[in-house]
Amino acid sequence: MYPQELIDKILDYLHDSPSALKACSLVSRKFYPRTRVHLFREAGCDDPKSARIFDIARDSPELLQCIKHVELRCLDFFLPKHQTASVDFLHSLSSPVTLSLWDDSERGDDIALVNYTKKDYVGWGSVLPMFLSSAPYGAIARLELTSPPMEHLSRVPRYRSLPS
């Protein structure tokens, strides 16, 4: 068998090919740890009602150390009924991650409008204050906010310092 360093280098070369990494992980137990690093680097979810992402901490806690980027593509993750699970998941990560939050509710397509009525609309103005008051700051190395409509950002309260 080849030295582990050489195996790791080969698997690193395949970092952008999930199908190749999955196949390699089945070849040998020596390949398995390094393929996990690449396969589970990013974790994302569109809908908190079917969020298998939260099951990782319970079912496979050893995978938490591989996650470096969490992408939540719906602001519903920070509604009161889902916020605890979202924050608990971020706290369970073993190292700080990049957290990407997407606001797709203003797109106007059927996917975005499925969960929204005017009274249920969740926008940046309602999510950011809730998130800032309970955010697991130690778990987040970088926060990315994607596609916020400018009129929603203008309604976000201004914070001079982070809540304690």
N, C-alpha and C. Protein backbone atom coordinates (compact mmCIF):
# COMPACT_ATOMS: atom_id res chain seq x y z
N MET A 1 0.85 -1.19 0.00
CA MET A 1 0.00 0.00 0.00
C MET A 1 0.89 1.24 0.00
N TYR A 2 0.37 2.32 -0.55
CA TYR A 2 1.11 3.58 -0.64
C TYR A 2 1.08 4.33 0.70
N PRO A 3 2.04 5.24 0.90
CA PRO A 3 2.02 6.05 2.13
C PRO A 3 0.75 6.91 2.19
N GLN A 4 0.25 7.13 3.40
CA GLN A 4 -0.99 7.89 3.59
C GLN A 4 -0.89 9.30 2.99
N GLU A 5 0.28 9.92 3.06
CA GLU A 5 0.46 11.26 2.50
C GLU A 5 0.19 11.29 1.00
N LEU A 6 0.63 10.26 0.30
CA LEU A 6 0.40 10.18 -1.14
C LEU A 6 -1.09 9.95 -1.44
N ILE A 7 -1.71 9.09 -0.67
CA ILE A 7 -3.14 8.83 -0.82
C ILE A 7 -3.92 10.13 -0.60
N ASP A 8 -3.58 10.85 0.46
CA ASP A 8 -4.26 12.12 0.75
C ASP A 8 -4.09 13.13 -0.38
N LYS A 9 -2.91 13.19 -0.94
CA LYS A 9 -2.63 14.13 -2.04
C LYS A 9 -3.50 13.79 -3.26
N ILE A 10 -3.62 12.52 -3.57
CA ILE A 10 -4.46 12.09 -4.70
C ILE A 10 -5.92 12.44 -4.44
N LEU A 11 -6.39 12.16 -3.23
CA LEU A 11 -7.78 12.46 -2.89
C LEU A 11 -8.03 13.97 -2.87
N ASP A 12 -7.04 14.75 -2.46
CA ASP A 12 -7.18 16.21 -2.49
C ASP A 12 -7.37 16.70 -3.92
N TYR A 13 -6.72 16.05 -4.85
CA TYR A 13 -6.84 16.41 -6.26
C TYR A 13 -8.28 16.21 -6.76
N LEU A 14 -9.01 15.28 -6.15
CA LEU A 14 -10.38 14.97 -6.55
C LEU A 14 -11.42 15.79 -5.77
N HIS A 15 -10.99 16.81 -5.06
CA HIS A 15 -11.87 17.56 -4.17
C HIS A 15 -13.16 18.07 -4.82
N ASP A 16 -13.15 18.33 -6.11
CA ASP A 16 -14.33 18.89 -6.77
C ASP A 16 -15.15 17.84 -7.53
N SER A 17 -14.92 16.58 -7.24
CA SER A 17 -15.66 15.50 -7.89
C SER A 17 -16.28 14.57 -6.84
N PRO A 18 -17.48 14.92 -6.35
CA PRO A 18 -18.10 14.09 -5.32
C PRO A 18 -18.28 12.63 -5.72
N SER A 19 -18.61 12.37 -6.97
CA SER A 19 -18.81 10.97 -7.38
C SER A 19 -17.50 10.19 -7.30
N ALA A 20 -16.39 10.81 -7.69
CA ALA A 20 -15.08 10.15 -7.59
C ALA A 20 -14.70 9.94 -6.12
N LEU A 21 -14.97 10.93 -5.28
CA LEU A 21 -14.66 10.79 -3.86
C LEU A 21 -15.48 9.68 -3.21
N LYS A 22 -16.76 9.59 -3.58
CA LYS A 22 -17.61 8.53 -3.04
C LYS A 22 -17.09 7.16 -3.47
N ALA A 23 -16.70 7.04 -4.71
CA ALA A 23 -16.15 5.77 -5.21
C ALA A 23 -14.86 5.43 -4.46
N CYS A 24 -14.00 6.41 -4.26
CA CYS A 24 -12.74 6.18 -3.55
C CYS A 24 -12.97 5.76 -2.11
N SER A 25 -14.00 6.33 -1.48
CA SER A 25 -14.26 5.99 -0.08
C SER A 25 -14.67 4.53 0.07
N LEU A 26 -15.15 3.92 -1.01
CA LEU A 26 -15.53 2.51 -0.97
C LEU A 26 -14.37 1.58 -1.27
N VAL A 27 -13.27 2.11 -1.79
CA VAL A 27 -12.12 1.30 -2.18
C VAL A 27 -11.37 0.76 -0.97
N SER A 28 -11.11 1.64 -0.02
CA SER A 28 -10.29 1.23 1.12
C SER A 28 -10.61 2.10 2.33
N ARG A 29 -10.48 1.51 3.51
CA ARG A 29 -10.68 2.28 4.74
C ARG A 29 -9.65 3.40 4.88
N LYS A 30 -8.50 3.24 4.28
CA LYS A 30 -7.46 4.28 4.33
C LYS A 30 -7.90 5.53 3.56
N PHE A 31 -8.80 5.38 2.60
CA PHE A 31 -9.27 6.52 1.81
C PHE A 31 -10.40 7.27 2.52
N TYR A 32 -11.09 6.57 3.37
CA TYR A 32 -12.32 7.08 3.96
C TYR A 32 -12.15 8.41 4.71
N PRO A 33 -11.21 8.56 5.64
CA PRO A 33 -11.11 9.83 6.38
C PRO A 33 -10.88 11.04 5.48
N ARG A 34 -10.05 10.90 4.46
CA ARG A 34 -9.74 12.05 3.61
C ARG A 34 -10.90 12.38 2.67
N THR A 35 -11.63 11.38 2.21
CA THR A 35 -12.77 11.67 1.35
C THR A 35 -13.85 12.41 2.12
N ARG A 36 -14.02 12.09 3.39
CA ARG A 36 -15.00 12.79 4.23
C ARG A 36 -14.70 14.28 4.34
N VAL A 37 -13.42 14.61 4.45
CA VAL A 37 -13.01 16.02 4.56
C VAL A 37 -13.58 16.82 3.39
N HIS A 38 -13.56 16.24 2.21
CA HIS A 38 -14.04 16.95 1.02
C HIS A 38 -15.55 16.80 0.82
N LEU A 39 -16.08 15.62 1.09
CA LEU A 39 -17.51 15.38 0.87
C LEU A 39 -18.39 16.17 1.83
N PHE A 40 -17.91 16.41 3.04
CA PHE A 40 -18.73 17.07 4.04
C PHE A 40 -18.22 18.47 4.39
N ARG A 41 -17.41 19.05 3.53
CA ARG A 41 -16.88 20.40 3.76
C ARG A 41 -18.02 21.42 3.81
N GLU A 42 -19.01 21.24 2.95
CA GLU A 42 -20.14 22.17 2.89
C GLU A 42 -21.43 21.43 3.23
N ALA A 43 -22.26 22.07 4.05
CA ALA A 43 -23.56 21.53 4.41
C ALA A 43 -24.58 22.61 4.13
N GLY A 44 -25.65 22.25 3.45
CA GLY A 44 -26.65 23.25 3.11
C GLY A 44 -28.04 22.67 3.13
N CYS A 45 -29.02 23.58 3.22
CA CYS A 45 -30.40 23.13 3.26
C CYS A 45 -31.31 24.26 2.78
N ASP A 46 -32.43 23.88 2.14
CA ASP A 46 -33.40 24.84 1.63
C ASP A 46 -34.61 25.02 2.54
N ASP A 47 -34.97 24.00 3.30
CA ASP A 47 -36.22 24.03 4.03
C ASP A 47 -36.02 23.47 5.44
N PRO A 48 -36.29 24.28 6.47
CA PRO A 48 -36.08 23.79 7.83
C PRO A 48 -37.00 22.64 8.23
N LYS A 49 -38.12 22.47 7.52
CA LYS A 49 -39.04 21.38 7.84
C LYS A 49 -38.46 20.02 7.46
N SER A 50 -37.58 20.01 6.50
CA SER A 50 -36.97 18.75 6.07
C SER A 50 -35.45 18.83 6.18
N ALA A 51 -34.99 19.48 7.21
CA ALA A 51 -33.56 19.76 7.36
C ALA A 51 -32.82 18.57 7.95
N ARG A 52 -32.30 17.72 7.08
CA ARG A 52 -31.48 16.59 7.53
C ARG A 52 -30.15 17.08 8.07
N ILE A 53 -29.81 18.31 7.76
CA ILE A 53 -28.54 18.88 8.23
C ILE A 53 -28.46 18.84 9.76
N PHE A 54 -29.60 19.02 10.43
CA PHE A 54 -29.61 19.03 11.90
C PHE A 54 -29.39 17.64 12.48
N ASP A 55 -29.65 16.60 11.70
CA ASP A 55 -29.47 15.23 12.17
C ASP A 55 -28.00 14.82 12.24
N ILE A 56 -27.13 15.55 11.57
CA ILE A 56 -25.71 15.20 11.55
C ILE A 56 -25.14 15.17 12.96
N ALA A 57 -25.47 16.16 13.77
CA ALA A 57 -24.93 16.23 15.13
C ALA A 57 -25.34 15.01 15.95
N ARG A 58 -26.55 14.53 15.74
CA ARG A 58 -27.04 13.38 16.50
C ARG A 58 -26.55 12.05 15.91
N ASP A 59 -26.66 11.92 14.58
CA ASP A 59 -26.39 10.63 13.94
C ASP A 59 -24.92 10.38 13.61
N SER A 60 -24.19 11.42 13.26
CA SER A 60 -22.78 11.27 12.85
C SER A 60 -21.95 12.43 13.37
N PRO A 61 -21.79 12.55 14.67
CA PRO A 61 -21.06 13.70 15.22
C PRO A 61 -19.62 13.81 14.73
N GLU A 62 -19.03 12.71 14.29
CA GLU A 62 -17.65 12.77 13.79
C GLU A 62 -17.55 13.57 12.50
N LEU A 63 -18.67 13.75 11.80
CA LEU A 63 -18.66 14.54 10.56
C LEU A 63 -18.63 16.04 10.82
N LEU A 64 -18.99 16.45 12.03
CA LEU A 64 -19.04 17.88 12.34
C LEU A 64 -17.69 18.56 12.16
N GLN A 65 -16.61 17.83 12.41
CA GLN A 65 -15.27 18.42 12.27
C GLN A 65 -14.92 18.69 10.81
N CYS A 66 -15.63 18.07 9.88
CA CYS A 66 -15.35 18.28 8.44
C CYS A 66 -16.05 19.52 7.89
N ILE A 67 -17.13 19.95 8.52
CA ILE A 67 -17.94 21.05 8.00
C ILE A 67 -17.23 22.38 8.19
N LYS A 68 -17.05 23.10 7.09
CA LYS A 68 -16.39 24.41 7.11
C LYS A 68 -17.30 25.52 6.59
N HIS A 69 -18.38 25.15 5.90
CA HIS A 69 -19.29 26.13 5.30
C HIS A 69 -20.72 25.61 5.45
N VAL A 70 -21.57 26.41 6.08
CA VAL A 70 -22.98 26.06 6.24
C VAL A 70 -23.79 27.08 5.44
N GLU A 71 -24.66 26.58 4.59
CA GLU A 71 -25.48 27.46 3.75
C GLU A 71 -26.95 27.17 4.02
N LEU A 72 -27.65 28.17 4.54
CA LEU A 72 -29.08 28.06 4.79
C LEU A 72 -29.77 28.94 3.76
N ARG A 73 -30.46 28.30 2.81
CA ARG A 73 -31.00 29.02 1.66
C ARG A 73 -32.47 29.40 1.86
N CYS A 74 -32.80 29.78 3.07
CA CYS A 74 -34.16 30.19 3.39
C CYS A 74 -34.11 30.84 4.76
N LEU A 75 -34.71 31.98 4.92
CA LEU A 75 -34.64 32.67 6.21
C LEU A 75 -35.54 32.05 7.26
N ASP A 76 -36.40 31.10 6.88
CA ASP A 76 -37.27 30.43 7.85
C ASP A 76 -36.48 29.71 8.94
N PHE A 77 -35.21 29.43 8.70
CA PHE A 77 -34.40 28.76 9.71
C PHE A 77 -34.32 29.58 10.99
N PHE A 78 -34.62 30.87 10.91
CA PHE A 78 -34.51 31.73 12.08
C PHE A 78 -35.86 32.21 12.59
N LEU A 79 -36.94 31.55 12.15
CA LEU A 79 -38.23 31.76 12.78
C LEU A 79 -38.16 31.10 14.15
N PRO A 80 -38.94 31.58 15.12
CA PRO A 80 -38.85 31.00 16.47
C PRO A 80 -38.97 29.48 16.52
N LYS A 81 -39.82 28.86 15.68
CA LYS A 81 -40.00 27.40 15.77
C LYS A 81 -38.81 26.61 15.25
N HIS A 82 -37.94 27.24 14.46
CA HIS A 82 -36.76 26.55 13.91
C HIS A 82 -35.44 27.11 14.44
N GLN A 83 -35.51 28.28 15.06
CA GLN A 83 -34.28 28.97 15.45
C GLN A 83 -33.45 28.16 16.44
N THR A 84 -34.07 27.51 17.39
CA THR A 84 -33.33 26.73 18.38
C THR A 84 -32.51 25.64 17.71
N ALA A 85 -33.11 24.91 16.78
CA ALA A 85 -32.39 23.84 16.07
C ALA A 85 -31.24 24.42 15.26
N SER A 86 -31.46 25.56 14.61
CA SER A 86 -30.41 26.19 13.80
C SER A 86 -29.23 26.60 14.67
N VAL A 87 -29.52 27.28 15.77
CA VAL A 87 -28.46 27.76 16.66
C VAL A 87 -27.76 26.58 17.33
N ASP A 88 -28.52 25.57 17.77
CA ASP A 88 -27.91 24.39 18.39
C ASP A 88 -26.97 23.68 17.42
N PHE A 89 -27.38 23.58 16.15
CA PHE A 89 -26.52 22.95 15.15
C PHE A 89 -25.21 23.73 15.01
N LEU A 90 -25.30 25.04 14.92
CA LEU A 90 -24.09 25.86 14.79
C LEU A 90 -23.19 25.71 16.01
N HIS A 91 -23.79 25.62 17.20
CA HIS A 91 -23.01 25.41 18.42
C HIS A 91 -22.32 24.05 18.43
N SER A 92 -22.92 23.06 17.79
CA SER A 92 -22.36 21.70 17.82
C SER A 92 -21.13 21.53 16.92
N LEU A 93 -20.90 22.48 16.03
CA LEU A 93 -19.75 22.37 15.12
C LEU A 93 -18.45 22.48 15.90
N SER A 94 -17.46 21.70 15.51
CA SER A 94 -16.22 21.64 16.29
C SER A 94 -15.26 22.78 15.99
N SER A 95 -15.47 23.50 14.88
CA SER A 95 -14.62 24.66 14.59
C SER A 95 -15.47 25.72 13.90
N PRO A 96 -15.07 26.98 13.97
CA PRO A 96 -15.85 28.05 13.35
C PRO A 96 -16.00 27.84 11.84
N VAL A 97 -17.16 28.21 11.32
CA VAL A 97 -17.48 28.00 9.91
C VAL A 97 -17.89 29.30 9.24
N THR A 98 -17.96 29.26 7.92
CA THR A 98 -18.59 30.34 7.17
C THR A 98 -20.08 30.02 7.11
N LEU A 99 -20.91 30.97 7.52
CA LEU A 99 -22.36 30.78 7.48
C LEU A 99 -22.92 31.68 6.39
N SER A 100 -23.59 31.08 5.41
CA SER A 100 -24.23 31.83 4.32
C SER A 100 -25.74 31.78 4.52
N LEU A 101 -26.36 32.93 4.57
CA LEU A 101 -27.81 33.03 4.68
C LEU A 101 -28.34 33.63 3.39
N TRP A 102 -29.36 32.98 2.83
CA TRP A 102 -29.96 33.45 1.58
C TRP A 102 -31.38 33.90 1.83
N ASP A 103 -31.76 35.01 1.25
CA ASP A 103 -33.15 35.45 1.26
C ASP A 103 -33.68 35.28 -0.15
N ASP A 104 -34.39 34.17 -0.38
CA ASP A 104 -34.93 33.93 -1.72
C ASP A 104 -36.43 34.19 -1.78
N SER A 105 -37.00 34.74 -0.73
CA SER A 105 -38.45 34.92 -0.66
C SER A 105 -38.97 35.99 -1.60
N GLU A 106 -38.12 36.86 -2.10
CA GLU A 106 -38.55 37.92 -3.00
C GLU A 106 -38.36 37.57 -4.47
N ARG A 107 -37.98 36.33 -4.77
CA ARG A 107 -37.70 35.96 -6.16
C ARG A 107 -38.95 35.97 -7.02
N GLY A 108 -40.08 35.65 -6.41
CA GLY A 108 -41.32 35.66 -7.18
C GLY A 108 -41.64 34.35 -7.86
N ASP A 109 -40.81 33.34 -7.72
CA ASP A 109 -41.13 32.06 -8.36
C ASP A 109 -41.88 31.16 -7.39
N ASP A 110 -42.40 30.05 -7.90
CA ASP A 110 -43.22 29.17 -7.08
C ASP A 110 -42.46 28.56 -5.92
N ILE A 111 -41.19 28.25 -6.11
CA ILE A 111 -40.40 27.64 -5.04
C ILE A 111 -40.33 28.57 -3.84
N ALA A 112 -40.06 29.84 -4.10
CA ALA A 112 -39.91 30.79 -3.01
C ALA A 112 -41.24 31.11 -2.36
N LEU A 113 -42.33 31.10 -3.11
CA LEU A 113 -43.61 31.53 -2.57
C LEU A 113 -44.40 30.43 -1.90
N VAL A 114 -43.95 29.20 -2.01
CA VAL A 114 -44.67 28.07 -1.46
C VAL A 114 -44.96 28.24 0.04
N ASN A 115 -44.03 28.74 0.82
CA ASN A 115 -44.19 28.85 2.26
C ASN A 115 -44.59 30.24 2.72
N TYR A 116 -44.80 31.17 1.82
CA TYR A 116 -44.99 32.55 2.23
C TYR A 116 -46.38 33.08 1.90
N THR A 117 -46.96 33.73 2.88
CA THR A 117 -48.10 34.60 2.65
C THR A 117 -47.61 35.95 3.15
N LYS A 118 -48.37 37.00 2.91
CA LYS A 118 -47.91 38.32 3.34
C LYS A 118 -47.66 38.35 4.86
N LYS A 119 -48.54 37.73 5.63
CA LYS A 119 -48.35 37.78 7.08
C LYS A 119 -47.22 36.87 7.56
N ASP A 120 -46.88 35.83 6.79
CA ASP A 120 -45.81 34.92 7.17
C ASP A 120 -44.45 35.35 6.64
N TYR A 121 -44.41 36.40 5.82
CA TYR A 121 -43.15 36.76 5.17
C TYR A 121 -42.05 36.97 6.20
N VAL A 122 -40.93 36.35 5.95
CA VAL A 122 -39.77 36.50 6.81
C VAL A 122 -38.70 37.20 5.99
N GLY A 123 -38.33 38.38 6.40
CA GLY A 123 -37.31 39.13 5.67
C GLY A 123 -36.13 39.43 6.58
N TRP A 124 -35.14 40.06 5.99
CA TRP A 124 -33.93 40.39 6.75
C TRP A 124 -34.25 41.25 7.96
N GLY A 125 -35.21 42.16 7.82
CA GLY A 125 -35.55 43.07 8.91
C GLY A 125 -36.05 42.35 10.15
N SER A 126 -36.70 41.20 9.97
CA SER A 126 -37.18 40.45 11.13
C SER A 126 -36.20 39.38 11.58
N VAL A 127 -35.41 38.86 10.67
CA VAL A 127 -34.49 37.77 11.00
C VAL A 127 -33.21 38.26 11.66
N LEU A 128 -32.60 39.30 11.12
CA LEU A 128 -31.30 39.73 11.66
C LEU A 128 -31.34 40.12 13.13
N PRO A 129 -32.33 40.89 13.60
CA PRO A 129 -32.34 41.19 15.04
C PRO A 129 -32.45 39.94 15.91
N MET A 130 -33.31 38.97 15.48
CA MET A 130 -33.43 37.72 16.24
C MET A 130 -32.11 36.96 16.22
N PHE A 131 -31.50 36.90 15.05
CA PHE A 131 -30.25 36.15 14.90
C PHE A 131 -29.13 36.80 15.71
N LEU A 132 -29.03 38.12 15.65
CA LEU A 132 -27.97 38.81 16.39
C LEU A 132 -28.11 38.63 17.90
N SER A 133 -29.34 38.49 18.38
CA SER A 133 -29.53 38.35 19.82
C SER A 133 -29.20 36.94 20.31
N SER A 134 -29.19 35.94 19.42
CA SER A 134 -28.95 34.57 19.87
C SER A 134 -27.84 33.87 19.10
N ALA A 135 -27.14 34.58 18.26
CA ALA A 135 -26.14 33.94 17.39
C ALA A 135 -25.01 33.31 18.18
N PRO A 136 -24.58 32.14 17.74
CA PRO A 136 -23.42 31.49 18.36
C PRO A 136 -22.14 32.07 17.76
N TYR A 137 -21.72 33.23 18.27
CA TYR A 137 -20.61 33.95 17.66
C TYR A 137 -19.33 33.13 17.60
N GLY A 138 -19.09 32.26 18.56
CA GLY A 138 -17.89 31.43 18.53
C GLY A 138 -17.90 30.41 17.41
N ALA A 139 -19.08 30.09 16.88
CA ALA A 139 -19.20 29.07 15.84
C ALA A 139 -19.09 29.65 14.43
N ILE A 140 -19.15 30.97 14.32
CA ILE A 140 -19.17 31.59 13.00
C ILE A 140 -17.88 32.37 12.77
N ALA A 141 -17.13 31.94 11.77
CA ALA A 141 -15.90 32.65 11.42
C ALA A 141 -16.20 33.77 10.44
N ARG A 142 -17.21 33.56 9.59
CA ARG A 142 -17.56 34.55 8.57
C ARG A 142 -19.05 34.42 8.28
N LEU A 143 -19.73 35.55 8.14
CA LEU A 143 -21.16 35.56 7.85
C LEU A 143 -21.37 36.18 6.47
N GLU A 144 -22.07 35.47 5.60
CA GLU A 144 -22.38 35.97 4.26
C GLU A 144 -23.89 36.11 4.14
N LEU A 145 -24.37 37.29 3.78
CA LEU A 145 -25.78 37.53 3.53
C LEU A 145 -25.94 37.68 2.03
N THR A 146 -26.77 36.85 1.44
CA THR A 146 -26.88 36.83 -0.02
C THR A 146 -28.25 37.31 -0.48
N SER A 147 -28.25 38.17 -1.45
CA SER A 147 -29.40 38.75 -2.16
C SER A 147 -30.44 39.42 -1.27
N PRO A 148 -30.02 40.24 -0.33
CA PRO A 148 -31.04 40.96 0.42
C PRO A 148 -31.57 42.14 -0.38
N PRO A 149 -32.89 42.26 -0.52
CA PRO A 149 -33.42 43.46 -1.16
C PRO A 149 -33.07 44.69 -0.31
N MET A 150 -32.62 45.73 -0.93
CA MET A 150 -32.14 46.91 -0.21
C MET A 150 -33.20 47.51 0.71
N GLU A 151 -34.47 47.48 0.31
CA GLU A 151 -35.49 48.09 1.16
C GLU A 151 -35.63 47.33 2.48
N HIS A 152 -35.29 46.04 2.51
CA HIS A 152 -35.35 45.28 3.75
C HIS A 152 -34.17 45.61 4.65
N LEU A 153 -33.02 45.84 4.08
CA LEU A 153 -31.85 46.19 4.89
C LEU A 153 -32.01 47.54 5.54
N SER A 154 -32.73 48.45 4.89
CA SER A 154 -32.90 49.78 5.47
C SER A 154 -33.77 49.74 6.72
N ARG A 155 -34.55 48.66 6.92
CA ARG A 155 -35.40 48.55 8.11
C ARG A 155 -34.73 47.78 9.25
N VAL A 156 -33.54 47.28 9.04
CA VAL A 156 -32.83 46.55 10.10
C VAL A 156 -32.33 47.56 11.12
N PRO A 157 -32.61 47.32 12.41
CA PRO A 157 -32.10 48.25 13.43
C PRO A 157 -30.58 48.31 13.39
N ARG A 158 -30.05 49.46 13.71
CA ARG A 158 -28.60 49.62 13.72
C ARG A 158 -28.05 49.20 15.09
N TYR A 159 -27.01 48.38 15.05
CA TYR A 159 -26.37 47.92 16.28
C TYR A 159 -25.01 48.58 16.39
N ARG A 160 -24.74 49.17 17.52
CA ARG A 160 -23.44 49.78 17.76
C ARG A 160 -22.46 48.74 18.32
N SER A 161 -22.99 47.76 19.02
CA SER A 161 -22.15 46.68 19.53
C SER A 161 -22.99 45.41 19.54
N LEU A 162 -22.32 44.28 19.60
CA LEU A 162 -23.01 43.01 19.62
C LEU A 162 -23.68 42.81 20.97
N PRO A 163 -24.90 42.24 20.98
CA PRO A 163 -25.57 41.97 22.25
C PRO A 163 -24.74 41.01 23.10
N SER A 164 -24.78 41.19 24.40
CA SER A 164 -24.00 40.30 25.27
C SER A 164 -24.87 39.25 25.91
